[in-house]
Amino acid sequence: KMASHPGGGDQGNSRDQILEVGAVLLKDFIYQRVQRHGESNAVVTRAQLGASELCDPNHKKLAQCLQQIGDELDGNVELQRMINDSSLSPSKDVFMKVALEIFSDGRFNWGRVVALFYFACRLVIKALLTQVPDIIRTIISWTMDYLREHVINWIREQGGWEGIRSYFGTPTWQTVGVFLAGVLTTVIVIRKM
């Protein structure tokens, strides 16, 4: 019955629901990327991430989009060189500097949101490789806190996470790797000063 959805047109897009879906997508993204990364000593279970299997077909489609963008970013040589820089340790300081730099001009787009997810994921992989698996859920909570405090209203204005799919159909997402590499360069330079 419609009655269970006050405000009819805005179904599934309350702040809480957007954060809930965001957490589901982020955890699944990290889980899948760690699998694809294929590092024998970087292994993670869904339980460690606090993640469950995706059941919702819409979530699965969104997850596929995210994975394709992730593959594209993995192939960006300059970006990988930056990510592997030893000064980008899995710490809150590094995470926050990168997150703030991604959105430093106060503008939002799906590419930047995905860049944040991807960076969080790569910090998780670094944490696994450097044997600090305890920090994994912490990295997820930093990412979700940042979304809650800074990005959630923009995602609501887009009508929720579904917007990733229409964005994915445009060529602009290919610039995400270049963009994120630039962000990391800035952060690394500042850290070394």
N, C-alpha and C. Protein backbone atom coordinates (compact mmCIF):
# COMPACT_ATOMS: atom_id res chain seq x y z
N LYS A 1 0.83 -1.21 0.00
CA LYS A 1 0.00 0.00 0.00
C LYS A 1 0.86 1.26 0.00
N MET A 2 0.40 2.25 -0.72
CA MET A 2 1.14 3.51 -0.79
C MET A 2 1.27 4.18 0.57
N ALA A 3 0.31 3.93 1.44
CA ALA A 3 0.28 4.61 2.73
C ALA A 3 1.59 4.46 3.51
N SER A 4 2.27 3.34 3.27
CA SER A 4 3.50 3.10 4.03
C SER A 4 4.64 3.99 3.54
N HIS A 5 4.41 4.70 2.44
CA HIS A 5 5.44 5.61 1.91
C HIS A 5 4.97 7.05 1.96
N PRO A 6 5.15 7.72 3.08
CA PRO A 6 4.74 9.13 3.11
C PRO A 6 5.54 9.91 2.07
N GLY A 7 4.88 10.82 1.40
CA GLY A 7 5.58 11.63 0.40
C GLY A 7 5.78 10.90 -0.91
N GLY A 8 5.00 9.86 -1.12
CA GLY A 8 4.97 9.06 -2.36
C GLY A 8 6.17 9.10 -3.27
N GLY A 9 6.45 10.26 -3.88
CA GLY A 9 7.46 10.32 -4.93
C GLY A 9 8.88 10.10 -4.44
N ASP A 10 9.10 10.21 -3.14
CA ASP A 10 10.48 10.17 -2.63
C ASP A 10 10.80 8.82 -2.00
N GLN A 11 10.19 7.76 -2.53
CA GLN A 11 10.38 6.43 -1.93
C GLN A 11 11.84 6.03 -1.93
N GLY A 12 12.27 5.50 -0.82
CA GLY A 12 13.61 4.94 -0.77
C GLY A 12 14.71 5.98 -0.78
N ASN A 13 14.36 7.26 -0.62
CA ASN A 13 15.43 8.25 -0.66
C ASN A 13 15.51 9.13 0.57
N SER A 14 15.12 8.56 1.71
CA SER A 14 15.37 9.31 2.93
C SER A 14 16.89 9.27 3.16
N ARG A 15 17.36 10.16 3.99
CA ARG A 15 18.80 10.18 4.29
C ARG A 15 19.28 8.81 4.78
N ASP A 16 18.49 8.21 5.68
CA ASP A 16 18.89 6.91 6.24
C ASP A 16 19.00 5.84 5.17
N GLN A 17 18.01 5.85 4.26
CA GLN A 17 18.03 4.82 3.21
C GLN A 17 19.21 5.02 2.27
N ILE A 18 19.51 6.28 1.95
CA ILE A 18 20.64 6.55 1.06
C ILE A 18 21.95 6.10 1.72
N LEU A 19 22.07 6.35 3.01
CA LEU A 19 23.28 5.93 3.72
C LEU A 19 23.36 4.41 3.79
N GLU A 20 22.20 3.79 4.00
CA GLU A 20 22.15 2.33 4.09
C GLU A 20 22.60 1.70 2.77
N VAL A 21 22.04 2.20 1.67
CA VAL A 21 22.42 1.67 0.35
C VAL A 21 23.90 1.99 0.07
N GLY A 22 24.32 3.19 0.46
CA GLY A 22 25.72 3.57 0.27
C GLY A 22 26.66 2.60 0.98
N ALA A 23 26.30 2.23 2.20
CA ALA A 23 27.13 1.29 2.97
C ALA A 23 27.16 -0.08 2.30
N VAL A 24 26.00 -0.53 1.82
CA VAL A 24 25.91 -1.82 1.12
C VAL A 24 26.81 -1.80 -0.12
N LEU A 25 26.71 -0.73 -0.91
CA LEU A 25 27.50 -0.62 -2.15
C LEU A 25 28.99 -0.51 -1.85
N LEU A 26 29.34 0.28 -0.84
CA LEU A 26 30.75 0.46 -0.49
C LEU A 26 31.38 -0.87 -0.06
N LYS A 27 30.68 -1.59 0.83
CA LYS A 27 31.23 -2.85 1.33
C LYS A 27 31.35 -3.88 0.22
N ASP A 28 30.34 -3.93 -0.65
CA ASP A 28 30.40 -4.87 -1.76
C ASP A 28 31.54 -4.50 -2.71
N PHE A 29 31.67 -3.20 -2.96
CA PHE A 29 32.73 -2.71 -3.86
C PHE A 29 34.10 -3.15 -3.32
N ILE A 30 34.31 -2.92 -2.02
CA ILE A 30 35.59 -3.28 -1.41
C ILE A 30 35.81 -4.79 -1.49
N TYR A 31 34.77 -5.56 -1.15
CA TYR A 31 34.88 -7.02 -1.18
C TYR A 31 35.29 -7.51 -2.58
N GLN A 32 34.57 -7.02 -3.60
CA GLN A 32 34.85 -7.46 -4.97
C GLN A 32 36.24 -7.01 -5.43
N ARG A 33 36.64 -5.79 -5.09
CA ARG A 33 37.94 -5.28 -5.54
C ARG A 33 39.07 -6.08 -4.89
N VAL A 34 38.92 -6.43 -3.61
CA VAL A 34 39.96 -7.21 -2.94
C VAL A 34 40.09 -8.57 -3.64
N GLN A 35 38.94 -9.17 -4.01
CA GLN A 35 38.97 -10.44 -4.74
C GLN A 35 39.73 -10.26 -6.06
N ARG A 36 39.40 -9.19 -6.78
CA ARG A 36 40.00 -8.97 -8.09
C ARG A 36 41.47 -8.62 -7.99
N HIS A 37 41.84 -8.03 -6.87
CA HIS A 37 43.23 -7.61 -6.71
C HIS A 37 44.15 -8.81 -6.69
N GLY A 38 43.61 -9.94 -6.19
CA GLY A 38 44.33 -11.21 -6.26
C GLY A 38 45.63 -11.26 -5.49
N GLU A 39 45.79 -10.44 -4.47
CA GLU A 39 46.99 -10.53 -3.62
C GLU A 39 46.74 -11.66 -2.63
N SER A 40 47.62 -12.65 -2.61
CA SER A 40 47.36 -13.81 -1.76
C SER A 40 47.28 -13.43 -0.28
N ASN A 41 48.01 -12.39 0.13
CA ASN A 41 47.96 -12.00 1.54
C ASN A 41 46.99 -10.85 1.80
N ALA A 42 46.24 -10.46 0.77
CA ALA A 42 45.15 -9.49 0.99
C ALA A 42 43.84 -10.24 0.79
N VAL A 43 43.34 -10.81 1.86
CA VAL A 43 42.11 -11.58 1.78
C VAL A 43 41.13 -10.98 2.78
N VAL A 44 39.88 -10.89 2.38
CA VAL A 44 38.89 -10.34 3.29
C VAL A 44 37.59 -11.13 3.10
N THR A 45 36.88 -11.34 4.20
CA THR A 45 35.58 -12.01 4.10
C THR A 45 34.49 -10.95 4.16
N ARG A 46 33.31 -11.31 3.68
CA ARG A 46 32.19 -10.38 3.80
C ARG A 46 31.94 -10.06 5.27
N ALA A 47 32.11 -11.08 6.13
CA ALA A 47 31.87 -10.89 7.56
C ALA A 47 32.81 -9.82 8.14
N GLN A 48 34.08 -9.86 7.72
CA GLN A 48 35.04 -8.86 8.21
C GLN A 48 34.61 -7.44 7.85
N LEU A 49 33.96 -7.32 6.70
CA LEU A 49 33.52 -6.00 6.24
C LEU A 49 32.16 -5.63 6.83
N GLY A 50 31.51 -6.61 7.46
CA GLY A 50 30.15 -6.39 7.92
C GLY A 50 29.20 -6.31 6.75
N ALA A 51 29.52 -7.06 5.68
CA ALA A 51 28.73 -6.99 4.44
C ALA A 51 27.96 -8.29 4.24
N SER A 52 26.84 -8.18 3.54
CA SER A 52 26.12 -9.39 3.16
C SER A 52 26.03 -9.43 1.64
N GLU A 53 25.66 -10.58 1.10
CA GLU A 53 25.50 -10.71 -0.35
C GLU A 53 24.45 -9.72 -0.84
N LEU A 54 24.65 -9.18 -2.04
CA LEU A 54 23.64 -8.30 -2.62
C LEU A 54 22.48 -9.14 -3.14
N CYS A 55 21.27 -8.79 -2.72
CA CYS A 55 20.09 -9.53 -3.20
C CYS A 55 19.29 -8.66 -4.16
N ASP A 56 19.21 -7.38 -3.88
CA ASP A 56 18.41 -6.46 -4.68
C ASP A 56 19.02 -6.33 -6.08
N PRO A 57 18.24 -6.65 -7.14
CA PRO A 57 18.78 -6.58 -8.50
C PRO A 57 19.28 -5.18 -8.87
N ASN A 58 18.62 -4.14 -8.35
CA ASN A 58 19.09 -2.78 -8.63
C ASN A 58 20.46 -2.53 -8.03
N HIS A 59 20.65 -3.02 -6.81
CA HIS A 59 21.95 -2.87 -6.15
C HIS A 59 23.02 -3.61 -6.95
N LYS A 60 22.64 -4.79 -7.47
CA LYS A 60 23.61 -5.58 -8.25
C LYS A 60 24.05 -4.82 -9.49
N LYS A 61 23.09 -4.15 -10.14
CA LYS A 61 23.43 -3.38 -11.35
C LYS A 61 24.36 -2.21 -11.00
N LEU A 62 24.04 -1.54 -9.90
CA LEU A 62 24.90 -0.43 -9.46
C LEU A 62 26.30 -0.95 -9.13
N ALA A 63 26.34 -2.11 -8.47
CA ALA A 63 27.63 -2.70 -8.09
C ALA A 63 28.46 -3.02 -9.33
N GLN A 64 27.79 -3.50 -10.39
CA GLN A 64 28.50 -3.81 -11.64
C GLN A 64 29.10 -2.54 -12.25
N CYS A 65 28.33 -1.47 -12.24
CA CYS A 65 28.85 -0.18 -12.73
C CYS A 65 30.10 0.21 -11.96
N LEU A 66 30.01 0.12 -10.64
CA LEU A 66 31.14 0.51 -9.79
C LEU A 66 32.37 -0.35 -10.10
N GLN A 67 32.14 -1.65 -10.31
CA GLN A 67 33.28 -2.53 -10.60
C GLN A 67 33.94 -2.16 -11.92
N GLN A 68 33.12 -1.83 -12.92
CA GLN A 68 33.70 -1.45 -14.22
C GLN A 68 34.54 -0.18 -14.10
N ILE A 69 34.04 0.78 -13.32
CA ILE A 69 34.81 2.00 -13.11
C ILE A 69 36.09 1.65 -12.33
N GLY A 70 35.95 0.75 -11.35
CA GLY A 70 37.12 0.31 -10.58
C GLY A 70 38.18 -0.31 -11.48
N ASP A 71 37.74 -1.13 -12.43
CA ASP A 71 38.68 -1.76 -13.37
C ASP A 71 39.41 -0.69 -14.18
N GLU A 72 38.63 0.30 -14.62
CA GLU A 72 39.20 1.40 -15.41
C GLU A 72 40.27 2.15 -14.59
N LEU A 73 39.95 2.40 -13.32
CA LEU A 73 40.89 3.12 -12.46
C LEU A 73 42.14 2.29 -12.18
N ASP A 74 41.94 0.98 -12.04
CA ASP A 74 43.09 0.09 -11.83
C ASP A 74 44.07 0.16 -13.00
N GLY A 75 43.52 0.46 -14.18
CA GLY A 75 44.35 0.50 -15.39
C GLY A 75 45.07 1.83 -15.61
N ASN A 76 44.80 2.81 -14.74
CA ASN A 76 45.43 4.12 -14.89
C ASN A 76 46.80 4.11 -14.19
N VAL A 77 47.84 4.05 -15.00
CA VAL A 77 49.21 3.86 -14.49
C VAL A 77 49.62 4.96 -13.52
N GLU A 78 49.34 6.20 -13.89
CA GLU A 78 49.72 7.34 -13.05
C GLU A 78 49.01 7.25 -11.69
N LEU A 79 47.71 6.93 -11.74
CA LEU A 79 46.93 6.80 -10.51
C LEU A 79 47.52 5.70 -9.61
N GLN A 80 47.87 4.58 -10.21
CA GLN A 80 48.42 3.46 -9.42
C GLN A 80 49.76 3.85 -8.78
N ARG A 81 50.55 4.61 -9.52
CA ARG A 81 51.84 5.06 -8.99
C ARG A 81 51.62 5.92 -7.74
N MET A 82 50.61 6.79 -7.81
CA MET A 82 50.29 7.66 -6.67
C MET A 82 49.79 6.84 -5.48
N ILE A 83 48.87 5.92 -5.78
CA ILE A 83 48.27 5.12 -4.70
C ILE A 83 49.33 4.31 -3.97
N ASN A 84 50.32 3.84 -4.72
CA ASN A 84 51.36 3.01 -4.11
C ASN A 84 52.41 3.82 -3.35
N ASP A 85 52.30 5.14 -3.39
CA ASP A 85 53.26 5.98 -2.67
C ASP A 85 53.17 5.66 -1.17
N SER A 86 54.33 5.45 -0.57
CA SER A 86 54.34 5.01 0.83
C SER A 86 53.79 6.06 1.80
N SER A 87 53.74 7.32 1.37
CA SER A 87 53.24 8.34 2.30
C SER A 87 51.71 8.28 2.44
N LEU A 88 51.04 7.54 1.53
CA LEU A 88 49.59 7.38 1.66
C LEU A 88 49.29 6.14 2.50
N SER A 89 49.47 6.28 3.81
CA SER A 89 49.23 5.15 4.71
C SER A 89 47.75 5.09 5.06
N PRO A 90 47.26 3.90 5.47
CA PRO A 90 45.85 3.82 5.84
C PRO A 90 45.60 4.46 7.21
N SER A 91 45.58 5.80 7.24
CA SER A 91 45.33 6.52 8.49
C SER A 91 44.21 7.52 8.27
N LYS A 92 43.60 7.95 9.37
CA LYS A 92 42.48 8.89 9.25
C LYS A 92 42.96 10.21 8.65
N ASP A 93 44.17 10.61 9.01
CA ASP A 93 44.73 11.85 8.50
C ASP A 93 44.79 11.82 6.97
N VAL A 94 45.33 10.74 6.43
CA VAL A 94 45.43 10.60 4.98
C VAL A 94 44.04 10.54 4.35
N PHE A 95 43.16 9.73 4.95
CA PHE A 95 41.82 9.60 4.38
C PHE A 95 41.12 10.95 4.31
N MET A 96 41.15 11.70 5.41
CA MET A 96 40.45 12.98 5.45
C MET A 96 41.06 14.00 4.49
N LYS A 97 42.38 14.02 4.39
CA LYS A 97 43.01 14.96 3.45
C LYS A 97 42.57 14.67 2.02
N VAL A 98 42.53 13.39 1.66
CA VAL A 98 42.13 13.02 0.31
C VAL A 98 40.65 13.33 0.09
N ALA A 99 39.80 12.98 1.06
CA ALA A 99 38.36 13.24 0.93
C ALA A 99 38.10 14.73 0.77
N LEU A 100 38.74 15.55 1.60
CA LEU A 100 38.54 17.00 1.52
C LEU A 100 39.04 17.55 0.19
N GLU A 101 40.14 16.98 -0.30
CA GLU A 101 40.70 17.44 -1.57
C GLU A 101 39.80 17.05 -2.75
N ILE A 102 39.18 15.87 -2.67
CA ILE A 102 38.29 15.42 -3.75
C ILE A 102 37.15 16.43 -3.94
N PHE A 103 36.63 16.93 -2.81
CA PHE A 103 35.49 17.85 -2.89
C PHE A 103 35.88 19.29 -2.55
N SER A 104 37.16 19.62 -2.75
CA SER A 104 37.67 20.91 -2.25
C SER A 104 36.98 22.12 -2.86
N ASP A 105 36.46 22.00 -4.09
CA ASP A 105 35.81 23.18 -4.69
C ASP A 105 34.31 23.21 -4.40
N GLY A 106 33.86 22.29 -3.53
CA GLY A 106 32.45 22.30 -3.14
C GLY A 106 31.51 21.77 -4.20
N ARG A 107 32.07 21.20 -5.28
CA ARG A 107 31.21 20.67 -6.33
C ARG A 107 31.14 19.15 -6.26
N PHE A 108 29.99 18.62 -6.66
CA PHE A 108 29.79 17.18 -6.56
C PHE A 108 29.47 16.60 -7.91
N ASN A 109 29.95 15.40 -8.16
CA ASN A 109 29.45 14.60 -9.28
C ASN A 109 29.71 13.14 -8.93
N TRP A 110 29.12 12.24 -9.71
CA TRP A 110 29.26 10.82 -9.37
C TRP A 110 30.70 10.35 -9.45
N GLY A 111 31.47 10.94 -10.36
CA GLY A 111 32.87 10.55 -10.49
C GLY A 111 33.63 10.76 -9.19
N ARG A 112 33.32 11.86 -8.52
CA ARG A 112 34.01 12.16 -7.26
C ARG A 112 33.58 11.21 -6.15
N VAL A 113 32.28 10.89 -6.15
CA VAL A 113 31.78 9.95 -5.15
C VAL A 113 32.46 8.59 -5.34
N VAL A 114 32.56 8.16 -6.60
CA VAL A 114 33.22 6.89 -6.91
C VAL A 114 34.71 6.97 -6.56
N ALA A 115 35.33 8.12 -6.80
CA ALA A 115 36.75 8.30 -6.46
C ALA A 115 36.96 8.09 -4.96
N LEU A 116 36.01 8.59 -4.15
CA LEU A 116 36.09 8.42 -2.70
C LEU A 116 36.00 6.93 -2.34
N PHE A 117 35.04 6.23 -2.96
CA PHE A 117 34.88 4.78 -2.73
C PHE A 117 36.16 4.04 -3.10
N TYR A 118 36.69 4.40 -4.27
CA TYR A 118 37.87 3.70 -4.78
C TYR A 118 39.07 3.92 -3.86
N PHE A 119 39.23 5.16 -3.40
CA PHE A 119 40.35 5.45 -2.51
C PHE A 119 40.20 4.67 -1.20
N ALA A 120 38.98 4.65 -0.65
CA ALA A 120 38.73 3.90 0.59
C ALA A 120 39.10 2.43 0.39
N CYS A 121 38.71 1.90 -0.76
CA CYS A 121 38.99 0.52 -1.09
C CYS A 121 40.49 0.25 -1.15
N ARG A 122 41.23 1.16 -1.78
CA ARG A 122 42.67 0.97 -1.90
C ARG A 122 43.37 1.10 -0.53
N LEU A 123 42.81 1.92 0.35
CA LEU A 123 43.36 1.99 1.71
C LEU A 123 43.13 0.67 2.44
N VAL A 124 41.97 0.05 2.20
CA VAL A 124 41.69 -1.25 2.81
C VAL A 124 42.72 -2.28 2.33
N ILE A 125 42.99 -2.28 1.01
CA ILE A 125 43.97 -3.23 0.47
C ILE A 125 45.35 -2.97 1.08
N LYS A 126 45.71 -1.70 1.22
CA LYS A 126 46.99 -1.37 1.88
C LYS A 126 47.01 -1.89 3.31
N ALA A 127 45.90 -1.71 4.01
CA ALA A 127 45.82 -2.16 5.40
C ALA A 127 45.98 -3.68 5.47
N LEU A 128 45.37 -4.40 4.53
CA LEU A 128 45.49 -5.86 4.51
C LEU A 128 46.93 -6.28 4.23
N LEU A 129 47.57 -5.58 3.29
CA LEU A 129 48.94 -5.94 2.91
C LEU A 129 49.94 -5.60 4.01
N THR A 130 49.63 -4.56 4.79
CA THR A 130 50.56 -4.18 5.86
C THR A 130 50.12 -4.77 7.19
N GLN A 131 49.23 -5.76 7.09
CA GLN A 131 48.83 -6.52 8.28
C GLN A 131 48.17 -5.67 9.36
N VAL A 132 47.34 -4.72 8.96
CA VAL A 132 46.53 -4.03 9.98
C VAL A 132 45.05 -4.19 9.64
N PRO A 133 44.57 -5.45 9.60
CA PRO A 133 43.19 -5.68 9.17
C PRO A 133 42.15 -5.07 10.11
N ASP A 134 42.55 -4.77 11.35
CA ASP A 134 41.59 -4.21 12.31
C ASP A 134 41.01 -2.88 11.83
N ILE A 135 41.74 -2.22 10.95
CA ILE A 135 41.33 -0.87 10.55
C ILE A 135 40.28 -0.88 9.43
N ILE A 136 40.01 -2.07 8.87
CA ILE A 136 39.13 -2.13 7.70
C ILE A 136 37.76 -1.50 7.96
N ARG A 137 37.11 -1.94 9.03
CA ARG A 137 35.77 -1.38 9.31
C ARG A 137 35.85 0.10 9.65
N THR A 138 36.98 0.48 10.23
CA THR A 138 37.19 1.89 10.56
C THR A 138 37.23 2.73 9.29
N ILE A 139 37.93 2.24 8.26
CA ILE A 139 38.00 2.96 6.98
C ILE A 139 36.59 3.09 6.39
N ILE A 140 35.81 2.02 6.49
CA ILE A 140 34.42 2.07 6.00
C ILE A 140 33.64 3.13 6.76
N SER A 141 33.83 3.19 8.08
CA SER A 141 33.06 4.18 8.84
C SER A 141 33.52 5.61 8.55
N TRP A 142 34.82 5.83 8.28
CA TRP A 142 35.26 7.18 7.87
C TRP A 142 34.55 7.58 6.59
N THR A 143 34.47 6.63 5.64
CA THR A 143 33.85 6.92 4.34
C THR A 143 32.38 7.26 4.53
N MET A 144 31.69 6.45 5.33
CA MET A 144 30.26 6.68 5.56
C MET A 144 30.03 7.99 6.33
N ASP A 145 30.90 8.28 7.29
CA ASP A 145 30.78 9.55 8.03
C ASP A 145 30.93 10.73 7.08
N TYR A 146 31.89 10.62 6.17
CA TYR A 146 32.12 11.71 5.22
C TYR A 146 30.90 11.90 4.32
N LEU A 147 30.36 10.79 3.84
CA LEU A 147 29.15 10.86 3.00
C LEU A 147 28.01 11.52 3.78
N ARG A 148 27.84 11.08 5.03
CA ARG A 148 26.74 11.59 5.85
C ARG A 148 26.88 13.09 6.07
N GLU A 149 28.11 13.54 6.31
CA GLU A 149 28.31 14.94 6.66
C GLU A 149 28.37 15.87 5.45
N HIS A 150 28.82 15.35 4.31
CA HIS A 150 29.08 16.26 3.19
C HIS A 150 28.37 15.96 1.88
N VAL A 151 28.05 14.69 1.63
CA VAL A 151 27.64 14.30 0.28
C VAL A 151 26.17 13.89 0.19
N ILE A 152 25.60 13.49 1.31
CA ILE A 152 24.26 12.90 1.31
C ILE A 152 23.19 13.77 0.66
N ASN A 153 23.21 15.07 0.94
CA ASN A 153 22.16 15.93 0.37
C ASN A 153 22.24 15.98 -1.14
N TRP A 154 23.47 15.99 -1.66
CA TRP A 154 23.64 15.99 -3.11
C TRP A 154 23.09 14.70 -3.71
N ILE A 155 23.39 13.56 -3.06
CA ILE A 155 22.90 12.27 -3.57
C ILE A 155 21.37 12.26 -3.56
N ARG A 156 20.78 12.83 -2.52
CA ARG A 156 19.30 12.92 -2.47
C ARG A 156 18.77 13.74 -3.63
N GLU A 157 19.43 14.85 -3.91
CA GLU A 157 18.98 15.71 -5.02
C GLU A 157 19.03 14.96 -6.35
N GLN A 158 19.95 14.00 -6.46
CA GLN A 158 20.06 13.22 -7.70
C GLN A 158 19.03 12.10 -7.75
N GLY A 159 18.23 11.98 -6.67
CA GLY A 159 17.25 10.91 -6.63
C GLY A 159 17.83 9.60 -6.14
N GLY A 160 18.95 9.65 -5.45
CA GLY A 160 19.54 8.43 -4.90
C GLY A 160 20.66 7.87 -5.76
N TRP A 161 21.12 6.68 -5.38
CA TRP A 161 22.30 6.06 -6.00
C TRP A 161 22.10 5.66 -7.46
N GLU A 162 20.83 5.51 -7.88
CA GLU A 162 20.55 5.11 -9.27
C GLU A 162 21.26 6.02 -10.27
N GLY A 163 21.51 7.27 -9.86
CA GLY A 163 22.16 8.23 -10.75
C GLY A 163 23.50 7.75 -11.29
N ILE A 164 24.14 6.84 -10.56
CA ILE A 164 25.44 6.33 -11.03
C ILE A 164 25.27 5.68 -12.39
N ARG A 165 24.12 5.03 -12.60
CA ARG A 165 23.95 4.29 -13.85
C ARG A 165 23.86 5.20 -15.06
N SER A 166 23.13 6.31 -14.93
CA SER A 166 23.05 7.23 -16.07
C SER A 166 24.40 7.93 -16.27
N TYR A 167 25.07 8.21 -15.17
CA TYR A 167 26.39 8.85 -15.24
C TYR A 167 27.37 7.91 -15.95
N PHE A 168 27.24 6.64 -15.66
CA PHE A 168 28.15 5.64 -16.22
C PHE A 168 28.06 5.59 -17.74
N GLY A 169 26.90 5.95 -18.27
CA GLY A 169 26.71 5.95 -19.72
C GLY A 169 27.40 7.09 -20.43
N THR A 170 27.93 8.05 -19.68
CA THR A 170 28.59 9.21 -20.30
C THR A 170 30.10 8.98 -20.30
N PRO A 171 30.81 9.65 -21.21
CA PRO A 171 32.26 9.44 -21.24
C PRO A 171 33.00 10.11 -20.08
N THR A 172 32.33 10.97 -19.33
CA THR A 172 33.06 11.74 -18.31
C THR A 172 33.68 10.87 -17.23
N TRP A 173 33.12 9.70 -16.97
CA TRP A 173 33.68 8.90 -15.87
C TRP A 173 35.10 8.45 -16.16
N GLN A 174 35.49 8.47 -17.45
CA GLN A 174 36.86 8.08 -17.78
C GLN A 174 37.87 9.09 -17.25
N THR A 175 37.41 10.28 -16.92
CA THR A 175 38.33 11.29 -16.39
C THR A 175 38.56 11.12 -14.89
N VAL A 176 37.82 10.19 -14.26
CA VAL A 176 37.93 10.02 -12.82
C VAL A 176 39.36 9.66 -12.40
N GLY A 177 39.99 8.78 -13.18
CA GLY A 177 41.36 8.35 -12.85
C GLY A 177 42.34 9.51 -12.86
N VAL A 178 42.22 10.34 -13.89
CA VAL A 178 43.09 11.51 -14.02
C VAL A 178 42.84 12.45 -12.85
N PHE A 179 41.55 12.65 -12.54
CA PHE A 179 41.15 13.53 -11.44
C PHE A 179 41.73 13.04 -10.11
N LEU A 180 41.51 11.75 -9.82
CA LEU A 180 41.96 11.20 -8.54
C LEU A 180 43.49 11.21 -8.43
N ALA A 181 44.17 10.95 -9.54
CA ALA A 181 45.64 11.00 -9.53
C ALA A 181 46.10 12.41 -9.15
N GLY A 182 45.41 13.42 -9.68
CA GLY A 182 45.73 14.81 -9.35
C GLY A 182 45.53 15.11 -7.88
N VAL A 183 44.41 14.61 -7.34
CA VAL A 183 44.11 14.78 -5.92
C VAL A 183 45.22 14.17 -5.07
N LEU A 184 45.59 12.94 -5.40
CA LEU A 184 46.61 12.25 -4.60
C LEU A 184 47.96 12.94 -4.70
N THR A 185 48.28 13.43 -5.89
CA THR A 185 49.53 14.17 -6.07
C THR A 185 49.58 15.35 -5.12
N THR A 186 48.48 16.11 -5.09
CA THR A 186 48.40 17.28 -4.20
C THR A 186 48.62 16.87 -2.75
N VAL A 187 47.91 15.82 -2.32
CA VAL A 187 47.99 15.38 -0.93
C VAL A 187 49.41 14.89 -0.59
N ILE A 188 50.00 14.13 -1.52
CA ILE A 188 51.35 13.61 -1.28
C ILE A 188 52.36 14.75 -1.17
N VAL A 189 52.24 15.73 -2.07
CA VAL A 189 53.16 16.88 -2.05
C VAL A 189 53.03 17.62 -0.72
N ILE A 190 51.78 17.85 -0.28
CA ILE A 190 51.56 18.57 0.99
C ILE A 190 52.17 17.77 2.15
N ARG A 191 52.00 16.45 2.11
CA ARG A 191 52.53 15.62 3.21
C ARG A 191 54.05 15.63 3.26
N LYS A 192 54.67 15.82 2.11
CA LYS A 192 56.14 15.75 2.08
C LYS A 192 56.79 17.11 2.33
N MET A 193 55.97 18.15 2.41
CA MET A 193 56.52 19.49 2.59
C MET A 193 57.00 19.70 4.02
